[in-house]
Amino acid sequence: MLLYMNYQKLITSNIKELRYKNGLTQEQFAERIGITVNGVSNIERNRYQPTAKMIDKICKSFNITPAQLLTMNSEANEDLIANINTLLSNCSKKQLKQIYDMILIITRK
């Protein structure tokens, strides 16, 4: 099974996370990057994909690179996956099937 990565959603969720971590309201962040509050809201809700120019402004405002914006959660995800794999290795076939069924339910759109 191939895993699909929605990069647009990843970028917009990372932007929201950075704003929270830096203690900025949507209003403060909008002023910082020169867009409207509605624009910030639309980015964070994945209704609007920021342009390359806007991504540069956002990254400069947080002193990060665009690559860091895209990969900021990758180490945490790798640790989480490793922990899940360790737990799964101790499960019976029946338990694995139950877990698989739960994952299918959770990940359905």
C-alpha atoms as a PDB file:
ATOM      1  CA  MET A   1       0.000   0.000   0.000  1.00  0.00           C
ATOM      2  CA  LEU A   2       1.387   3.414  -0.961  1.00  0.00           C
ATOM      3  CA  LEU A   3       1.233   6.225   1.548  1.00  0.00           C
ATOM      4  CA  TYR A   4      -0.005   9.507   0.129  1.00  0.00           C
ATOM      5  CA  MET A   5       1.426  12.720   1.511  1.00  0.00           C
ATOM      6  CA  ASN A   6      -0.661  15.841   1.095  1.00  0.00           C
ATOM      7  CA  TYR A   7       2.096  18.454   1.037  1.00  0.00           C
ATOM      8  CA  GLN A   8      -0.301  21.376   0.882  1.00  0.00           C
ATOM      9  CA  LYS A   9      -2.020  20.248   4.058  1.00  0.00           C
ATOM     10  CA  LEU A  10       1.341  19.576   5.708  1.00  0.00           C
ATOM     11  CA  ILE A  11       2.594  23.084   4.920  1.00  0.00           C
ATOM     12  CA  THR A  12      -0.562  24.809   6.123  1.00  0.00           C
ATOM     13  CA  SER A  13      -0.739  22.782   9.344  1.00  0.00           C
ATOM     14  CA  ASN A  14       2.941  23.492  10.037  1.00  0.00           C
ATOM     15  CA  ILE A  15       2.295  27.210   9.551  1.00  0.00           C
ATOM     16  CA  LYS A  16      -0.500  27.063  12.110  1.00  0.00           C
ATOM     17  CA  GLU A  17       1.686  25.103  14.522  1.00  0.00           C
ATOM     18  CA  LEU A  18       4.505  27.649  14.181  1.00  0.00           C
ATOM     19  CA  ARG A  19       2.091  30.487  14.868  1.00  0.00           C
ATOM     20  CA  TYR A  20       0.867  28.742  18.040  1.00  0.00           C
ATOM     21  CA  LYS A  21       4.403  27.925  19.202  1.00  0.00           C
ATOM     22  CA  ASN A  22       5.385  31.549  18.784  1.00  0.00           C
ATOM     23  CA  GLY A  23       2.362  32.791  20.722  1.00  0.00           C
ATOM     24  CA  LEU A  24       0.934  34.787  17.837  1.00  0.00           C
ATOM     25  CA  THR A  25      -2.718  35.475  17.240  1.00  0.00           C
ATOM     26  CA  GLN A  26      -3.974  35.324  13.680  1.00  0.00           C
ATOM     27  CA  GLU A  27      -4.133  39.114  13.750  1.00  0.00           C
ATOM     28  CA  GLN A  28      -0.491  39.447  14.862  1.00  0.00           C
ATOM     29  CA  PHE A  29       0.701  36.909  12.331  1.00  0.00           C
ATOM     30  CA  ALA A  30      -1.298  38.534   9.519  1.00  0.00           C
ATOM     31  CA  GLU A  31       0.292  41.889  10.295  1.00  0.00           C
ATOM     32  CA  ARG A  32       3.735  40.300  10.458  1.00  0.00           C
ATOM     33  CA  ILE A  33       3.478  38.781   6.961  1.00  0.00           C
ATOM     34  CA  GLY A  34       1.366  41.484   5.340  1.00  0.00           C
ATOM     35  CA  ILE A  35      -1.945  39.743   4.678  1.00  0.00           C
ATOM     36  CA  THR A  36      -5.433  39.893   6.138  1.00  0.00           C
ATOM     37  CA  VAL A  37      -6.637  37.870   9.108  1.00  0.00           C
ATOM     38  CA  ASN A  38      -9.013  36.143   6.701  1.00  0.00           C
ATOM     39  CA  GLY A  39      -5.993  35.214   4.577  1.00  0.00           C
ATOM     40  CA  VAL A  40      -4.248  33.602   7.571  1.00  0.00           C
ATOM     41  CA  SER A  41      -7.434  31.765   8.467  1.00  0.00           C
ATOM     42  CA  ASN A  42      -7.796  30.458   4.921  1.00  0.00           C
ATOM     43  CA  ILE A  43      -4.185  29.241   4.892  1.00  0.00           C
ATOM     44  CA  GLU A  44      -4.558  27.482   8.236  1.00  0.00           C
ATOM     45  CA  ARG A  45      -7.809  25.816   7.177  1.00  0.00           C
ATOM     46  CA  ASN A  46      -6.156  24.673   3.950  1.00  0.00           C
ATOM     47  CA  ARG A  47      -8.550  26.720   1.820  1.00  0.00           C
ATOM     48  CA  TYR A  48      -5.750  28.708   0.245  1.00  0.00           C
ATOM     49  CA  GLN A  49      -2.304  27.521  -0.795  1.00  0.00           C
ATOM     50  CA  PRO A  50       0.266  30.232  -0.132  1.00  0.00           C
ATOM     51  CA  THR A  51       2.389  31.265  -3.087  1.00  0.00           C
ATOM     52  CA  ALA A  52       6.155  30.740  -3.091  1.00  0.00           C
ATOM     53  CA  LYS A  53       6.563  34.441  -2.296  1.00  0.00           C
ATOM     54  CA  MET A  54       4.193  34.132   0.687  1.00  0.00           C
ATOM     55  CA  ILE A  55       5.992  30.991   1.916  1.00  0.00           C
ATOM     56  CA  ASP A  56       9.249  32.968   1.812  1.00  0.00           C
ATOM     57  CA  LYS A  57       7.670  35.743   3.918  1.00  0.00           C
ATOM     58  CA  ILE A  58       6.298  33.205   6.391  1.00  0.00           C
ATOM     59  CA  CYS A  59       9.642  31.417   6.675  1.00  0.00           C
ATOM     60  CA  LYS A  60      11.523  34.698   7.152  1.00  0.00           C
ATOM     61  CA  SER A  61       9.089  35.711   9.881  1.00  0.00           C
ATOM     62  CA  PHE A  62       9.930  32.498  11.789  1.00  0.00           C
ATOM     63  CA  ASN A  63      13.605  32.474  10.770  1.00  0.00           C
ATOM     64  CA  ILE A  64      13.356  29.071   9.049  1.00  0.00           C
ATOM     65  CA  THR A  65      13.866  27.786   5.511  1.00  0.00           C
ATOM     66  CA  PRO A  66      11.082  26.473   3.269  1.00  0.00           C
ATOM     67  CA  ALA A  67      12.632  23.001   3.630  1.00  0.00           C
ATOM     68  CA  GLN A  68      12.339  23.270   7.415  1.00  0.00           C
ATOM     69  CA  LEU A  69       8.702  24.304   7.047  1.00  0.00           C
ATOM     70  CA  LEU A  70       8.017  21.149   5.077  1.00  0.00           C
ATOM     71  CA  THR A  71       9.982  18.778   7.315  1.00  0.00           C
ATOM     72  CA  MET A  72       9.551  20.258  10.783  1.00  0.00           C
ATOM     73  CA  ASN A  73       7.630  17.233  12.112  1.00  0.00           C
ATOM     74  CA  SER A  74       9.548  14.489  10.317  1.00  0.00           C
ATOM     75  CA  GLU A  75      11.768  13.523  13.286  1.00  0.00           C
ATOM     76  CA  ALA A  76       8.809  13.350  15.649  1.00  0.00           C
ATOM     77  CA  ASN A  77       6.919  11.259  13.098  1.00  0.00           C
ATOM     78  CA  GLU A  78       9.861   8.859  12.701  1.00  0.00           C
ATOM     79  CA  ASP A  79      10.032   8.340  16.489  1.00  0.00           C
ATOM     80  CA  LEU A  80       6.298   7.796  16.652  1.00  0.00           C
ATOM     81  CA  ILE A  81       6.392   5.242  13.840  1.00  0.00           C
ATOM     82  CA  ALA A  82       9.285   3.403  15.509  1.00  0.00           C
ATOM     83  CA  ASN A  83       7.328   3.257  18.788  1.00  0.00           C
ATOM     84  CA  ILE A  84       4.216   1.993  17.007  1.00  0.00           C
ATOM     85  CA  ASN A  85       6.231  -0.684  15.215  1.00  0.00           C
ATOM     86  CA  THR A  86       7.692  -1.861  18.522  1.00  0.00           C
ATOM     87  CA  LEU A  87       4.232  -2.155  20.025  1.00  0.00           C
ATOM     88  CA  LEU A  88       2.866  -3.933  16.952  1.00  0.00           C
ATOM     89  CA  SER A  89       5.661  -6.491  16.977  1.00  0.00           C
ATOM     90  CA  ASN A  90       4.294  -7.822  20.277  1.00  0.00           C
ATOM     91  CA  CYS A  91       0.718  -8.235  19.034  1.00  0.00           C
ATOM     92  CA  SER A  92      -1.038 -11.417  18.009  1.00  0.00           C
ATOM     93  CA  LYS A  93      -2.499 -11.821  14.514  1.00  0.00           C
ATOM     94  CA  LYS A  94      -5.959 -11.216  15.944  1.00  0.00           C
ATOM     95  CA  GLN A  95      -4.829  -7.999  17.631  1.00  0.00           C
ATOM     96  CA  LEU A  96      -3.100  -6.833  14.445  1.00  0.00           C
ATOM     97  CA  LYS A  97      -6.317  -7.380  12.487  1.00  0.00           C
ATOM     98  CA  GLN A  98      -8.281  -5.372  15.063  1.00  0.00           C
ATOM     99  CA  ILE A  99      -5.731  -2.560  14.945  1.00  0.00           C
ATOM    100  CA  TYR A 100      -5.804  -2.589  11.149  1.00  0.00           C
ATOM    101  CA  ASP A 101      -9.602  -2.333  11.164  1.00  0.00           C
ATOM    102  CA  MET A 102      -9.450   0.607  13.585  1.00  0.00           C
ATOM    103  CA  ILE A 103      -6.885   2.400  11.416  1.00  0.00           C
ATOM    104  CA  LEU A 104      -9.146   1.997   8.397  1.00  0.00           C
ATOM    105  CA  ILE A 105     -12.030   3.558  10.290  1.00  0.00           C
ATOM    106  CA  ILE A 106      -9.926   6.454  11.604  1.00  0.00           C
ATOM    107  CA  THR A 107      -8.320   7.292   8.262  1.00  0.00           C
ATOM    108  CA  ARG A 108     -11.443   7.213   6.089  1.00  0.00           C
ATOM    109  CA  LYS A 109     -12.330  10.572   4.656  1.00  0.00           C
END
